[in-house]
Each structure stands twice: as structure tokens, then as C-alpha cells.
Amino acid sequence: MSLSDLKPNKILIRSTNWIGDAIMTTPAVRTVRQNFPEAHIAILAYPWVADIFHSSPHVDEVILYNKSGEHHGLKGLWRLGRELAEAGFDIAILFQNAFEAALLAAIAGIPVRAGYIRDARRLLLTHPVRIRPEVRKLHQVHYYQELCRGLGLTPGPDQLFLQLGPEVEQRARELVSDFAGRPLIGLNPGAAYGPAKCWPVERYGKLAASLAGDFNAMIPVFGTRADAATAKTIRSFAPENVIDLAGNTSLAEAMALIGICDAFVTNDSGLMHVAAARDTPMVAIFGSTDPVATGPFSERAVIIQKKMACQPCFKTHCKSDFLCMNSIEVEEVAEAVAKLLGDQRARQ
């Protein structure tokens, strides 16, 4: 029986764990809503991705999985499972691929547990979906949409979806109100995956200086507290123009600010997917990873990648010469940004 034959009152969606992955599930979340317009849909998410869904009309409730707090360890997993059991969900749709996601749905006693056959969890799923070989070659947006199709649902549009609350949007506009008339070009020099995804910080600094000199641009640098030293280095190249936001914004605030940038330069990271969802023109710099599967799902993105024999290696650290990133010059990125700004002016 496909899920389309069911009439559930309550559906639980298990979100993926990382910002970029969660953004790439948003078309599939919309698909679930469109197939079950009357159901109460909750999404279970880690706190650091919850802001992606808080204002979404496709979700009625966001349930936090606080794995470092009350849901830590096996006892915490059991506690969360019992909390979900009390909520009385009819269906669990598992976008996260891990065994734990299926185990948690089973502990919660959710009668219909649907997801891809991954991580040795086949016996815990009532509605398992095999991954067709051709799906592995597609972008991750299609990977999650194909799960919905495999469950008998009719997929909706593939466009990413990210809606924020009006308060956070207003705060973002107020933060940059003093710079009206000047281009706002965001830089995102970090990546949680590891340094093999990161263009050298000195080149980001030289890029900031170039953009400040050529366009008198204001340049917010995004990131977490772990990127503080990187942001400080970049600011040293153009101290009058760079705004250091690393570790100084919530995810919602960062997403709102990215949405009002005139251009965005980024490594392959979660905020790259935020820019795609916000339809912000961007230059995405790729090294060890594959833009076909996880590149920005946007028609306004320019991907810069130098093809190497070892690519894609998907390694977090480069043990050789880091040639894939070191071959990308500042001038090349600056030219791509200039073209985006020109295109942006032409659209206005």
C-alpha cells in the first residue's frame, strides 16, 4: 500500500541533520504537505536547523531533538521516543538516512515508518524504498523527491523553499540600512565538512579588498564562532568595508541577511544552499566535492571549480598540494561577482 492510500491525522517528518541537507529537503516537505493538506505535519529537527522550518507554511510544528541535552544517549533517545508516542503520529517519513531515525520511529510506536533502505534499517521500515541507481547520480533535491515518489506521493515543484518571519527580515534590513546604495556582497569562508572545502582565507581577504576598491561594497562575513579567526583575517584586508558576523548571528538572522545580499561568495557549505533558497546571486567555489549532487540548486549561481584527476575525492583534508583550491585565482572570482552585480542591475 502506498502512502497516498492513507488518510493520516498526524505525520512526523524526520529532518536531515545539517543546514544544507535540510534546505535540500524543502521541496520534499512541500510535497508531503500537498499530498496531505489536512494532516498535522510536524518535523523533528536538531536545534541548529530548526529555523529553516519555523516559519514554513508546510509544517505545523517543529519538535526539537536536543541530543546534547535531555535527549542525549540511549536514555535520551528512549525519552524522545516516548514523547513522540504520546503525540500519536500515524506516519513517520524519514528523510534522514540513519538507523537511529528508524529506531526512534519504532520506539515511538508510529505504525507507518517510511524511508530509504539505508544503514541496515530495512526491518524497522513498514514502507521501505530502494534507491534506484540513477537517483544516486541526481542532485540531492531529486533524491528526497524520489523518496516521496517511491512512497506513492505526487511530487510538487522542485524549487527550494525558505520562508522567514517578518521580524527577522526587518532586523536584517535595519542592520544594513546605513549602507543603502552600496552593493552588499556576502562572503562565506567556512565549511563544517572540513578545510578541503575551503578556499584559502588570504584569497577571501584579497577578494574583499578588490570588491571594496572596485564597488565600495559592504562585505558581511558569515560563519560560526569557529570561523572567528578567519573572519578577523579577512577584515584586516578591508577594515572599513568588512562586517564581521562570524558567531554573531542566529541562523535565522544569517538567512535573512543572505537574502538581501546583492551577491554572495561561498564555499560548498550549508549557507550556500541558503543563498540558493533565497534566490541570491552567488559564486560557489568547489574543490573536493561534487556540484552535480550537492551544488547550489539555483539558476543564479556560478560554480567555479578546477577539474583535477583526483576530483571529486570527498576528503575533509588534503594531504597533497590542495591544487583544486589553490588553482582558483582571486581575479576569476572577482570577475564572476562583477558579472552578477551587472546582471542584478539589469534586472532592476
Protein backbone atom coordinates (compact mmCIF):
# COMPACT_ATOMS: atom_id res chain seq x y z
CA MET A 1 0.00 0.00 0.00
CA SER A 2 1.33 3.45 -0.93
CA LEU A 3 1.10 6.36 1.46
CA SER A 4 -1.32 8.05 -0.93
CA ASP A 5 -3.94 5.45 0.07
CA LEU A 6 -3.78 6.53 3.72
CA LYS A 7 -5.62 9.34 5.47
CA PRO A 8 -3.34 10.24 8.38
CA ASN A 9 -4.21 12.78 11.03
CA LYS A 10 -0.62 13.36 12.13
CA ILE A 11 2.62 12.99 10.18
CA LEU A 12 6.14 13.20 11.57
CA ILE A 13 8.97 14.13 9.20
CA ARG A 14 12.49 13.37 10.44
CA SER A 15 14.69 16.17 9.16
CA THR A 16 18.22 15.71 7.96
CA ASN A 17 20.95 16.88 10.33
CA TRP A 18 22.80 19.67 8.52
CA ILE A 19 21.73 23.06 7.21
CA GLY A 20 22.43 22.36 3.54
CA ASP A 21 20.80 18.94 3.62
CA ALA A 22 17.74 20.35 5.39
CA ILE A 23 17.40 23.10 2.78
CA MET A 24 17.54 20.47 0.04
CA THR A 25 14.63 18.59 1.65
CA THR A 26 12.31 21.62 1.48
CA PRO A 27 10.75 20.66 -1.89
CA ALA A 28 10.01 17.20 -0.48
CA VAL A 29 8.50 18.72 2.68
CA ARG A 30 6.24 20.76 0.41
CA THR A 31 5.37 17.56 -1.46
CA VAL A 32 4.22 15.93 1.79
CA ARG A 33 2.04 18.94 2.57
CA GLN A 34 0.48 19.00 -0.90
CA ASN A 35 -0.35 15.30 -0.71
CA PHE A 36 -1.79 15.57 2.81
CA PRO A 37 -3.27 19.10 3.02
CA GLU A 38 -5.47 18.31 6.03
CA ALA A 39 -2.90 16.46 8.16
CA HIS A 40 -1.00 17.94 11.08
CA ILE A 41 2.64 17.82 9.96
CA ALA A 42 5.46 18.03 12.50
CA ILE A 43 9.15 17.99 11.71
CA LEU A 44 11.72 16.58 14.11
CA ALA A 45 14.96 18.53 13.80
CA TYR A 46 18.15 19.35 15.61
CA PRO A 47 18.14 22.87 17.08
CA TRP A 48 20.70 24.19 14.59
CA VAL A 49 18.43 23.51 11.59
CA ALA A 50 15.07 24.29 13.21
CA ASP A 51 14.99 27.91 11.93
CA ILE A 52 14.67 26.55 8.40
CA PHE A 53 11.19 25.28 9.24
CA HIS A 54 9.82 27.57 11.97
CA SER A 55 8.01 29.88 9.54
CA SER A 56 7.24 27.33 6.84
CA PRO A 57 3.55 27.02 5.89
CA HIS A 58 4.24 23.39 5.01
CA VAL A 59 4.90 22.49 8.65
CA ASP A 60 2.53 22.88 11.60
CA GLU A 61 5.03 22.11 14.35
CA VAL A 62 8.78 21.89 14.87
CA ILE A 63 9.90 19.39 17.51
CA LEU A 64 13.47 19.83 18.75
CA TYR A 65 15.74 16.82 19.06
CA ASN A 66 18.13 18.09 21.72
CA LYS A 67 20.79 15.43 21.51
CA SER A 68 23.22 17.33 23.71
CA GLY A 69 20.59 17.85 26.42
CA GLU A 70 17.53 15.91 27.51
CA HIS A 71 17.72 13.56 24.52
CA HIS A 72 21.36 12.61 25.00
CA GLY A 73 22.40 8.96 24.79
CA LEU A 74 20.23 5.86 24.83
CA LYS A 75 18.12 7.12 27.73
CA GLY A 76 17.53 10.36 25.89
CA LEU A 77 16.59 8.51 22.72
CA TRP A 78 14.10 6.43 24.67
CA ARG A 79 12.71 9.56 26.35
CA LEU A 80 12.20 11.26 22.99
CA GLY A 81 10.58 8.13 21.59
CA ARG A 82 8.07 8.08 24.42
CA GLU A 83 7.36 11.79 23.96
CA LEU A 84 6.63 11.16 20.30
CA ALA A 85 4.46 8.16 21.23
CA GLU A 86 2.26 10.43 23.35
CA ALA A 87 1.79 12.71 20.33
CA GLY A 88 0.12 9.88 18.40
CA PHE A 89 1.66 10.13 14.95
CA ASP A 90 0.23 7.93 12.20
CA ILE A 91 3.13 8.16 9.74
CA ALA A 92 6.85 8.83 10.04
CA ILE A 93 8.65 9.90 6.86
CA LEU A 94 12.39 9.63 7.37
CA PHE A 95 14.44 11.99 5.22
CA GLN A 96 17.39 11.25 7.48
CA ASN A 97 19.03 8.02 6.34
CA ALA A 98 20.40 6.73 9.65
CA PHE A 99 19.40 3.58 11.51
CA GLU A 100 18.66 5.75 14.55
CA ALA A 101 15.87 7.57 12.71
CA ALA A 102 14.03 4.32 12.06
CA LEU A 103 14.72 3.04 15.59
CA LEU A 104 13.29 6.22 17.10
CA ALA A 105 10.13 5.93 14.99
CA ALA A 106 9.76 2.32 16.14
CA ILE A 107 10.24 3.27 19.80
CA ALA A 108 7.55 5.92 19.30
CA GLY A 109 5.19 3.20 18.08
CA ILE A 110 4.44 5.04 14.84
CA PRO A 111 2.60 2.40 12.78
CA VAL A 112 3.77 3.57 9.33
CA ARG A 113 7.54 4.13 9.03
CA ALA A 114 8.73 5.13 5.58
CA GLY A 115 12.21 5.81 4.23
CA TYR A 116 15.04 4.70 2.02
CA ILE A 117 16.65 1.32 2.72
CA ARG A 118 19.88 2.60 4.24
CA ASP A 119 22.09 1.87 7.24
CA ALA A 120 20.75 -1.67 7.90
CA ARG A 121 17.30 -0.44 8.90
CA ARG A 122 15.16 -2.42 6.44
CA LEU A 123 13.35 -4.45 9.13
CA LEU A 124 12.32 -1.31 11.02
CA LEU A 125 10.56 0.21 8.00
CA THR A 126 7.00 -0.67 7.07
CA HIS A 127 7.33 1.21 3.77
CA PRO A 128 10.91 0.76 2.56
CA VAL A 129 12.08 2.40 -0.66
CA ARG A 130 15.06 1.14 -2.63
CA ILE A 131 17.37 3.74 -4.12
CA ARG A 132 17.43 3.34 -7.88
CA PRO A 133 20.97 3.60 -9.33
CA GLU A 134 20.04 6.58 -11.48
CA VAL A 135 18.82 8.50 -8.42
CA ARG A 136 22.32 8.37 -6.93
CA LYS A 137 23.52 10.43 -9.90
CA LEU A 138 20.98 13.22 -9.38
CA HIS A 139 21.05 16.33 -7.24
CA GLN A 140 20.04 15.76 -3.62
CA VAL A 141 16.83 17.74 -4.17
CA HIS A 142 15.70 14.97 -6.52
CA TYR A 143 16.94 12.30 -4.08
CA TYR A 144 14.37 13.40 -1.49
CA GLN A 145 11.65 14.00 -4.06
CA GLU A 146 12.22 10.49 -5.43
CA LEU A 147 11.70 9.09 -1.92
CA CYS A 148 8.28 10.72 -1.93
CA ARG A 149 7.57 9.31 -5.39
CA GLY A 150 8.65 5.87 -4.22
CA LEU A 151 6.11 6.13 -1.41
CA GLY A 152 3.33 6.75 -3.91
CA LEU A 153 3.12 10.52 -3.44
CA THR A 154 2.88 13.02 -6.29
CA PRO A 155 5.96 15.26 -6.17
CA GLY A 156 5.39 19.01 -6.19
CA PRO A 157 7.77 21.64 -7.61
CA ASP A 158 11.49 21.09 -7.16
CA GLN A 159 12.22 24.70 -6.18
CA LEU A 160 13.80 25.21 -2.79
CA PHE A 161 11.62 26.89 -0.19
CA LEU A 162 12.72 29.09 2.70
CA GLN A 163 10.35 31.47 4.44
CA LEU A 164 11.35 33.56 7.44
CA GLY A 165 9.33 35.55 9.94
CA PRO A 166 8.72 39.28 9.25
CA GLU A 167 10.54 40.30 12.45
CA VAL A 168 13.85 38.74 11.45
CA GLU A 169 13.53 40.09 7.91
CA GLN A 170 13.01 43.59 9.34
CA ARG A 171 16.02 43.27 11.65
CA ALA A 172 18.19 42.32 8.69
CA ARG A 173 17.07 45.36 6.70
CA GLU A 174 17.71 47.63 9.68
CA LEU A 175 21.21 46.22 10.15
CA VAL A 176 22.28 47.31 6.66
CA SER A 177 20.14 50.45 6.36
CA ASP A 178 23.18 52.72 6.75
CA PHE A 179 24.71 51.23 3.60
CA ALA A 180 21.85 52.00 1.21
CA GLY A 181 23.03 52.49 -2.36
CA ARG A 182 26.19 50.41 -1.87
CA PRO A 183 26.44 46.78 -3.01
CA LEU A 184 26.13 44.23 -0.22
CA ILE A 185 28.36 41.25 -1.03
CA GLY A 186 28.41 38.41 1.47
CA LEU A 187 31.39 36.12 2.00
CA ASN A 188 31.11 32.66 3.50
CA PRO A 189 34.68 31.35 4.01
CA GLY A 190 33.94 28.38 6.26
CA ALA A 191 32.58 24.85 5.85
CA ALA A 192 31.68 22.41 8.60
CA TYR A 193 32.80 19.47 6.44
CA GLY A 194 36.46 20.39 6.72
CA PRO A 195 39.25 22.55 5.25
CA ALA A 196 39.31 20.70 1.92
CA LYS A 197 36.11 22.60 1.07
CA CYS A 198 37.62 25.98 1.92
CA TRP A 199 39.18 28.44 -0.50
CA PRO A 200 42.26 29.95 1.23
CA VAL A 201 41.39 32.72 3.67
CA GLU A 202 44.02 35.08 2.24
CA ARG A 203 42.26 34.91 -1.11
CA TYR A 204 38.96 35.77 0.52
CA GLY A 205 40.77 38.73 2.09
CA LYS A 206 42.18 39.88 -1.24
CA LEU A 207 38.75 39.44 -2.80
CA ALA A 208 37.24 41.64 -0.08
CA ALA A 209 39.84 44.33 -0.78
CA SER A 210 39.14 44.11 -4.51
CA LEU A 211 35.37 44.40 -4.07
CA ALA A 212 35.78 47.27 -1.63
CA GLY A 213 38.03 49.13 -4.07
CA ASP A 214 36.05 48.47 -7.24
CA PHE A 215 32.49 48.83 -5.93
CA ASN A 216 32.78 50.46 -2.49
CA ALA A 217 30.89 47.36 -1.39
CA MET A 218 29.96 46.49 2.17
CA ILE A 219 31.04 42.95 2.84
CA PRO A 220 29.44 40.92 5.64
CA VAL A 221 31.46 37.81 6.51
CA PHE A 222 29.26 34.94 7.69
CA GLY A 223 30.16 31.96 9.84
CA THR A 224 30.08 30.41 13.28
CA ARG A 225 32.32 31.09 16.27
CA ALA A 226 34.71 28.54 14.75
CA ASP A 227 35.21 30.97 11.85
CA ALA A 228 36.08 33.96 14.06
CA ALA A 229 39.81 33.91 13.28
CA THR A 230 39.08 33.55 9.57
CA ALA A 231 36.68 36.49 9.60
CA LYS A 232 39.21 38.61 11.52
CA THR A 233 41.86 37.88 8.89
CA ILE A 234 39.51 38.83 6.05
CA ARG A 235 38.56 42.06 7.82
CA SER A 236 42.22 43.03 8.06
CA PHE A 237 42.33 43.36 4.25
CA ALA A 238 39.46 45.89 4.11
CA PRO A 239 38.63 47.04 7.65
CA GLU A 240 36.36 49.91 6.54
CA ASN A 241 34.17 47.67 4.41
CA VAL A 242 34.06 44.25 6.06
CA ILE A 243 31.37 43.48 8.66
CA ASP A 244 32.41 40.56 10.86
CA LEU A 245 29.30 38.46 11.56
CA ALA A 246 31.04 35.18 12.40
CA GLY A 247 29.38 33.78 15.51
CA ASN A 248 27.31 36.96 15.92
CA THR A 249 24.01 35.94 14.32
CA SER A 250 21.43 33.23 14.72
CA LEU A 251 20.78 31.01 11.71
CA ALA A 252 17.54 32.89 11.04
CA GLU A 253 19.35 36.24 11.08
CA ALA A 254 22.08 34.94 8.78
CA MET A 255 19.48 33.58 6.36
CA ALA A 256 17.65 36.91 6.32
CA LEU A 257 20.86 38.84 5.66
CA ILE A 258 21.91 36.48 2.88
CA GLY A 259 18.53 37.08 1.29
CA ILE A 260 19.21 40.81 0.90
CA CYS A 261 22.78 40.49 -0.37
CA ASP A 262 23.38 41.62 -3.93
CA ALA A 263 25.88 38.79 -4.34
CA PHE A 264 27.31 36.01 -2.21
CA VAL A 265 30.66 34.22 -2.46
CA THR A 266 30.77 30.89 -0.71
CA ASN A 267 32.46 27.56 -0.23
CA ASP A 268 30.39 24.39 -0.60
CA SER A 269 28.52 24.67 2.69
CA GLY A 270 25.11 24.96 4.30
CA LEU A 271 24.87 28.72 3.74
CA MET A 272 25.49 28.14 0.04
CA HIS A 273 22.15 26.30 -0.04
CA VAL A 274 20.54 29.09 1.97
CA ALA A 275 21.62 31.55 -0.74
CA ALA A 276 20.12 29.25 -3.37
CA ALA A 277 16.84 29.05 -1.45
CA ARG A 278 16.81 32.85 -1.04
CA ASP A 279 17.49 33.33 -4.78
CA THR A 280 20.61 35.35 -4.04
CA PRO A 281 23.12 35.58 -6.91
CA MET A 282 26.21 33.66 -5.87
CA VAL A 283 29.64 32.41 -6.79
CA ALA A 284 30.14 28.92 -5.33
CA ILE A 285 33.73 27.69 -5.04
CA PHE A 286 34.16 23.91 -5.22
CA GLY A 287 37.19 21.76 -4.54
CA SER A 288 36.96 18.21 -3.24
CA THR A 289 33.20 17.74 -3.61
CA ASP A 290 30.76 17.27 -6.47
CA PRO A 291 28.48 20.15 -7.58
CA VAL A 292 26.30 17.76 -9.57
CA ALA A 293 24.94 16.15 -6.39
CA THR A 294 25.24 18.94 -3.84
CA GLY A 295 25.82 22.14 -5.78
CA PRO A 296 23.59 25.19 -5.41
CA PHE A 297 20.13 24.38 -6.77
CA SER A 298 19.74 27.77 -8.40
CA GLU A 299 19.77 29.36 -11.84
CA ARG A 300 21.57 32.39 -10.37
CA ALA A 301 24.67 30.51 -9.24
CA VAL A 302 28.09 30.49 -10.88
CA ILE A 303 30.19 27.47 -9.95
CA ILE A 304 33.95 27.80 -10.06
CA GLN A 305 35.85 24.53 -9.95
CA LYS A 306 39.14 23.44 -11.48
CA LYS A 307 38.97 19.89 -12.76
CA MET A 308 41.64 17.63 -11.32
CA ALA A 309 42.38 13.95 -11.83
CA CYS A 310 41.76 13.29 -8.13
CA GLN A 311 38.40 15.03 -8.12
CA PRO A 312 35.97 14.58 -6.53
CA CYS A 313 37.81 12.95 -3.63
CA PHE A 314 35.29 13.97 -0.91
CA LYS A 315 38.13 14.18 1.60
CA THR A 316 37.91 16.59 4.51
CA HIS A 317 41.66 17.31 4.46
CA CYS A 318 44.05 17.43 1.51
CA LYS A 319 47.28 15.52 2.07
CA SER A 320 48.92 16.75 -1.14
CA ASP A 321 49.10 20.26 -2.60
CA PHE A 322 45.46 21.41 -2.31
CA LEU A 323 45.74 22.18 -6.02
CA CYS A 324 41.98 22.17 -6.68
CA MET A 325 41.54 25.24 -4.44
CA ASN A 326 44.92 26.90 -4.97
CA SER A 327 44.27 26.98 -8.74
CA ILE A 328 41.30 29.32 -8.28
CA GLU A 329 42.54 32.90 -8.51
CA VAL A 330 41.08 35.99 -6.86
CA GLU A 331 40.66 37.74 -10.21
CA GLU A 332 38.49 34.93 -11.54
CA VAL A 333 36.13 35.10 -8.58
CA ALA A 334 36.06 38.91 -8.65
CA GLU A 335 35.11 38.89 -12.34
CA ALA A 336 32.27 36.46 -11.66
CA VAL A 337 30.97 38.70 -8.87
CA ALA A 338 31.17 41.76 -11.12
CA LYS A 339 29.09 39.99 -13.76
CA LEU A 340 26.49 39.01 -11.15
CA LEU A 341 26.24 42.61 -10.00
CA GLY A 342 25.81 43.74 -13.59
CA ASP A 343 23.11 41.16 -14.17
CA GLN A 344 21.43 42.25 -10.94
CA ARG A 345 21.34 45.89 -12.07
CA ALA A 346 19.93 44.84 -15.44
CA ARG A 347 17.06 43.01 -13.71
CA GLN A 348 16.08 46.05 -11.64
